[in-house]
Amino acid sequence: MGDTRTDLINQLAASMGAGDYAKTRFEESRYDADTGTLYCDGYVISKTVIDEAIQHFNLMQKKCDMNDPASRHMAMIYKTAIEGIKRLKESKSDTTSK
Protein backbone atom coordinates (compact mmCIF):
# COMPACT_ATOMS: atom_id res chain seq x y z
CA MET A 1 0.00 0.00 0.00
CA GLY A 2 2.87 2.37 0.73
CA ASP A 3 4.18 2.22 -2.84
CA THR A 4 0.74 2.86 -4.31
CA ARG A 5 0.24 5.85 -2.03
CA THR A 6 3.67 7.25 -2.91
CA ASP A 7 3.00 6.77 -6.63
CA LEU A 8 -0.33 8.55 -6.32
CA ILE A 9 1.21 11.48 -4.44
CA ASN A 10 4.05 11.79 -6.98
CA GLN A 11 1.63 11.67 -9.92
CA LEU A 12 -0.58 14.31 -8.34
CA ALA A 13 2.42 16.54 -7.59
CA ALA A 14 3.66 16.23 -11.18
CA SER A 15 0.23 16.99 -12.62
CA MET A 16 0.01 20.11 -10.44
CA GLY A 17 3.30 21.44 -11.78
CA ALA A 18 5.67 20.32 -9.05
CA GLY A 19 8.09 19.07 -11.68
CA ASP A 20 8.25 16.98 -14.79
CA TYR A 21 9.63 13.91 -13.06
CA ALA A 22 7.40 11.69 -11.02
CA LYS A 23 8.08 8.12 -10.01
CA THR A 24 5.11 6.10 -11.14
CA ARG A 25 4.07 2.50 -10.95
CA PHE A 26 4.51 2.36 -14.72
CA GLU A 27 8.09 1.19 -15.08
CA GLU A 28 7.85 0.63 -18.84
CA SER A 29 7.22 3.35 -21.38
CA ARG A 30 3.62 3.42 -22.53
CA TYR A 31 1.20 5.64 -24.39
CA ASP A 32 -2.38 6.08 -23.20
CA ALA A 33 -4.38 6.78 -26.36
CA ASP A 34 -7.48 7.72 -24.34
CA THR A 35 -5.77 10.67 -22.65
CA GLY A 36 -3.01 11.28 -25.19
CA THR A 37 -0.41 10.93 -22.41
CA LEU A 38 3.00 9.32 -22.79
CA TYR A 39 4.57 7.71 -19.71
CA CYS A 40 8.30 7.40 -20.33
CA ASP A 41 11.18 6.82 -17.90
CA GLY A 42 9.20 8.30 -15.02
CA TYR A 43 8.07 11.34 -17.01
CA VAL A 44 4.42 12.07 -17.64
CA ILE A 45 4.27 13.79 -21.04
CA SER A 46 0.93 15.41 -21.74
CA LYS A 47 -0.92 15.61 -25.05
CA THR A 48 -0.15 19.34 -25.16
CA VAL A 49 3.60 18.76 -24.91
CA ILE A 50 3.42 16.01 -27.53
CA ASP A 51 1.61 18.38 -29.91
CA GLU A 52 4.21 21.08 -29.19
CA ALA A 53 6.97 18.60 -30.04
CA ILE A 54 5.40 17.96 -33.45
CA GLN A 55 5.16 21.71 -34.08
CA HIS A 56 8.78 22.20 -33.03
CA PHE A 57 10.10 19.43 -35.27
CA ASN A 58 8.02 20.73 -38.20
CA LEU A 59 9.49 24.20 -37.70
CA MET A 60 13.03 22.84 -37.49
CA GLN A 61 12.51 20.70 -40.59
CA LYS A 62 11.28 23.71 -42.59
CA LYS A 63 14.42 25.65 -41.64
CA CYS A 64 16.67 23.00 -43.17
CA ASP A 65 18.39 23.72 -46.49
CA MET A 66 17.71 20.67 -48.64
CA ASN A 67 20.67 21.57 -50.89
CA ASP A 68 23.14 21.06 -48.04
CA PRO A 69 23.81 17.37 -47.21
CA ALA A 70 24.20 17.94 -43.44
CA SER A 71 21.06 20.06 -43.29
CA ARG A 72 19.14 17.54 -45.39
CA HIS A 73 20.26 14.82 -42.96
CA MET A 74 18.90 16.85 -40.03
CA ALA A 75 15.62 17.34 -41.93
CA MET A 76 15.30 13.56 -42.19
CA ILE A 77 15.93 13.21 -38.45
CA TYR A 78 13.19 15.76 -37.74
CA LYS A 79 10.84 13.99 -40.16
CA THR A 80 11.52 10.67 -38.42
CA ALA A 81 10.62 12.21 -35.05
CA ILE A 82 7.44 13.76 -36.49
CA GLU A 83 6.30 10.50 -38.07
CA GLY A 84 7.13 8.50 -34.93
CA ILE A 85 5.04 10.80 -32.77
CA LYS A 86 2.17 10.74 -35.26
CA ARG A 87 2.18 6.93 -35.32
CA LEU A 88 2.16 6.87 -31.53
CA LYS A 89 -0.86 9.20 -31.47
CA GLU A 90 -2.68 7.05 -34.03
CA SER A 91 -2.48 3.94 -31.84
CA LYS A 92 -5.91 2.73 -30.74
CA SER A 93 -5.00 1.32 -27.33
CA ASP A 94 -2.28 1.48 -24.71
CA THR A 95 1.08 0.87 -26.33
CA THR A 96 3.78 -0.49 -24.07
CA SER A 97 7.48 -0.84 -24.91
CA LYS A 98 10.24 -2.48 -22.96
C-alpha atoms as a PDB file:
ATOM      1  CA  MET A   1       0.000   0.000   0.000  1.00  0.00           C
ATOM      2  CA  GLY A   2       2.871   2.367   0.732  1.00  0.00           C
ATOM      3  CA  ASP A   3       4.184   2.218  -2.839  1.00  0.00           C
ATOM      4  CA  THR A   4       0.737   2.859  -4.311  1.00  0.00           C
ATOM      5  CA  ARG A   5       0.237   5.845  -2.033  1.00  0.00           C
ATOM      6  CA  THR A   6       3.669   7.247  -2.914  1.00  0.00           C
ATOM      7  CA  ASP A   7       2.995   6.770  -6.629  1.00  0.00           C
ATOM      8  CA  LEU A   8      -0.334   8.555  -6.322  1.00  0.00           C
ATOM      9  CA  ILE A   9       1.213  11.479  -4.440  1.00  0.00           C
ATOM     10  CA  ASN A  10       4.045  11.793  -6.976  1.00  0.00           C
ATOM     11  CA  GLN A  11       1.634  11.668  -9.918  1.00  0.00           C
ATOM     12  CA  LEU A  12      -0.577  14.314  -8.337  1.00  0.00           C
ATOM     13  CA  ALA A  13       2.420  16.536  -7.594  1.00  0.00           C
ATOM     14  CA  ALA A  14       3.665  16.230 -11.185  1.00  0.00           C
ATOM     15  CA  SER A  15       0.230  16.991 -12.615  1.00  0.00           C
ATOM     16  CA  MET A  16       0.007  20.109 -10.442  1.00  0.00           C
ATOM     17  CA  GLY A  17       3.302  21.438 -11.783  1.00  0.00           C
ATOM     18  CA  ALA A  18       5.674  20.316  -9.049  1.00  0.00           C
ATOM     19  CA  GLY A  19       8.088  19.071 -11.684  1.00  0.00           C
ATOM     20  CA  ASP A  20       8.255  16.983 -14.788  1.00  0.00           C
ATOM     21  CA  TYR A  21       9.632  13.913 -13.058  1.00  0.00           C
ATOM     22  CA  ALA A  22       7.403  11.695 -11.015  1.00  0.00           C
ATOM     23  CA  LYS A  23       8.080   8.122 -10.009  1.00  0.00           C
ATOM     24  CA  THR A  24       5.110   6.105 -11.138  1.00  0.00           C
ATOM     25  CA  ARG A  25       4.071   2.500 -10.950  1.00  0.00           C
ATOM     26  CA  PHE A  26       4.507   2.361 -14.716  1.00  0.00           C
ATOM     27  CA  GLU A  27       8.092   1.192 -15.083  1.00  0.00           C
ATOM     28  CA  GLU A  28       7.852   0.627 -18.835  1.00  0.00           C
ATOM     29  CA  SER A  29       7.220   3.353 -21.378  1.00  0.00           C
ATOM     30  CA  ARG A  30       3.622   3.424 -22.530  1.00  0.00           C
ATOM     31  CA  TYR A  31       1.203   5.642 -24.389  1.00  0.00           C
ATOM     32  CA  ASP A  32      -2.380   6.081 -23.195  1.00  0.00           C
ATOM     33  CA  ALA A  33      -4.380   6.780 -26.362  1.00  0.00           C
ATOM     34  CA  ASP A  34      -7.482   7.720 -24.342  1.00  0.00           C
ATOM     35  CA  THR A  35      -5.771  10.674 -22.654  1.00  0.00           C
ATOM     36  CA  GLY A  36      -3.007  11.284 -25.185  1.00  0.00           C
ATOM     37  CA  THR A  37      -0.414  10.931 -22.407  1.00  0.00           C
ATOM     38  CA  LEU A  38       2.999   9.316 -22.788  1.00  0.00           C
ATOM     39  CA  TYR A  39       4.568   7.715 -19.705  1.00  0.00           C
ATOM     40  CA  CYS A  40       8.295   7.396 -20.333  1.00  0.00           C
ATOM     41  CA  ASP A  41      11.175   6.818 -17.899  1.00  0.00           C
ATOM     42  CA  GLY A  42       9.203   8.296 -15.016  1.00  0.00           C
ATOM     43  CA  TYR A  43       8.070  11.338 -17.009  1.00  0.00           C
ATOM     44  CA  VAL A  44       4.421  12.071 -17.644  1.00  0.00           C
ATOM     45  CA  ILE A  45       4.272  13.788 -21.036  1.00  0.00           C
ATOM     46  CA  SER A  46       0.925  15.414 -21.738  1.00  0.00           C
ATOM     47  CA  LYS A  47      -0.921  15.613 -25.051  1.00  0.00           C
ATOM     48  CA  THR A  48      -0.149  19.336 -25.157  1.00  0.00           C
ATOM     49  CA  VAL A  49       3.604  18.762 -24.906  1.00  0.00           C
ATOM     50  CA  ILE A  50       3.415  16.008 -27.526  1.00  0.00           C
ATOM     51  CA  ASP A  51       1.613  18.384 -29.908  1.00  0.00           C
ATOM     52  CA  GLU A  52       4.214  21.083 -29.189  1.00  0.00           C
ATOM     53  CA  ALA A  53       6.971  18.600 -30.041  1.00  0.00           C
ATOM     54  CA  ILE A  54       5.396  17.956 -33.447  1.00  0.00           C
ATOM     55  CA  GLN A  55       5.160  21.708 -34.076  1.00  0.00           C
ATOM     56  CA  HIS A  56       8.785  22.196 -33.031  1.00  0.00           C
ATOM     57  CA  PHE A  57      10.104  19.429 -35.275  1.00  0.00           C
ATOM     58  CA  ASN A  58       8.016  20.729 -38.198  1.00  0.00           C
ATOM     59  CA  LEU A  59       9.494  24.200 -37.703  1.00  0.00           C
ATOM     60  CA  MET A  60      13.031  22.845 -37.485  1.00  0.00           C
ATOM     61  CA  GLN A  61      12.513  20.699 -40.593  1.00  0.00           C
ATOM     62  CA  LYS A  62      11.283  23.710 -42.592  1.00  0.00           C
ATOM     63  CA  LYS A  63      14.418  25.654 -41.639  1.00  0.00           C
ATOM     64  CA  CYS A  64      16.674  23.000 -43.171  1.00  0.00           C
ATOM     65  CA  ASP A  65      18.389  23.723 -46.491  1.00  0.00           C
ATOM     66  CA  MET A  66      17.707  20.668 -48.639  1.00  0.00           C
ATOM     67  CA  ASN A  67      20.669  21.573 -50.893  1.00  0.00           C
ATOM     68  CA  ASP A  68      23.137  21.056 -48.039  1.00  0.00           C
ATOM     69  CA  PRO A  69      23.814  17.367 -47.209  1.00  0.00           C
ATOM     70  CA  ALA A  70      24.205  17.935 -43.442  1.00  0.00           C
ATOM     71  CA  SER A  71      21.062  20.063 -43.286  1.00  0.00           C
ATOM     72  CA  ARG A  72      19.139  17.536 -45.393  1.00  0.00           C
ATOM     73  CA  HIS A  73      20.260  14.819 -42.963  1.00  0.00           C
ATOM     74  CA  MET A  74      18.897  16.852 -40.034  1.00  0.00           C
ATOM     75  CA  ALA A  75      15.623  17.343 -41.932  1.00  0.00           C
ATOM     76  CA  MET A  76      15.303  13.562 -42.192  1.00  0.00           C
ATOM     77  CA  ILE A  77      15.929  13.206 -38.453  1.00  0.00           C
ATOM     78  CA  TYR A  78      13.186  15.755 -37.737  1.00  0.00           C
ATOM     79  CA  LYS A  79      10.843  13.990 -40.165  1.00  0.00           C
ATOM     80  CA  THR A  80      11.520  10.670 -38.420  1.00  0.00           C
ATOM     81  CA  ALA A  81      10.616  12.214 -35.048  1.00  0.00           C
ATOM     82  CA  ILE A  82       7.442  13.757 -36.492  1.00  0.00           C
ATOM     83  CA  GLU A  83       6.301  10.500 -38.065  1.00  0.00           C
ATOM     84  CA  GLY A  84       7.134   8.496 -34.933  1.00  0.00           C
ATOM     85  CA  ILE A  85       5.038  10.803 -32.768  1.00  0.00           C
ATOM     86  CA  LYS A  86       2.171  10.739 -35.263  1.00  0.00           C
ATOM     87  CA  ARG A  87       2.178   6.926 -35.320  1.00  0.00           C
ATOM     88  CA  LEU A  88       2.155   6.871 -31.535  1.00  0.00           C
ATOM     89  CA  LYS A  89      -0.856   9.199 -31.467  1.00  0.00           C
ATOM     90  CA  GLU A  90      -2.685   7.054 -34.026  1.00  0.00           C
ATOM     91  CA  SER A  91      -2.477   3.941 -31.842  1.00  0.00           C
ATOM     92  CA  LYS A  92      -5.911   2.729 -30.740  1.00  0.00           C
ATOM     93  CA  SER A  93      -4.996   1.319 -27.328  1.00  0.00           C
ATOM     94  CA  ASP A  94      -2.280   1.482 -24.711  1.00  0.00           C
ATOM     95  CA  THR A  95       1.077   0.872 -26.329  1.00  0.00           C
ATOM     96  CA  THR A  96       3.780  -0.490 -24.071  1.00  0.00           C
ATOM     97  CA  SER A  97       7.476  -0.837 -24.915  1.00  0.00           C
ATOM     98  CA  LYS A  98      10.238  -2.480 -22.958  1.00  0.00           C
END
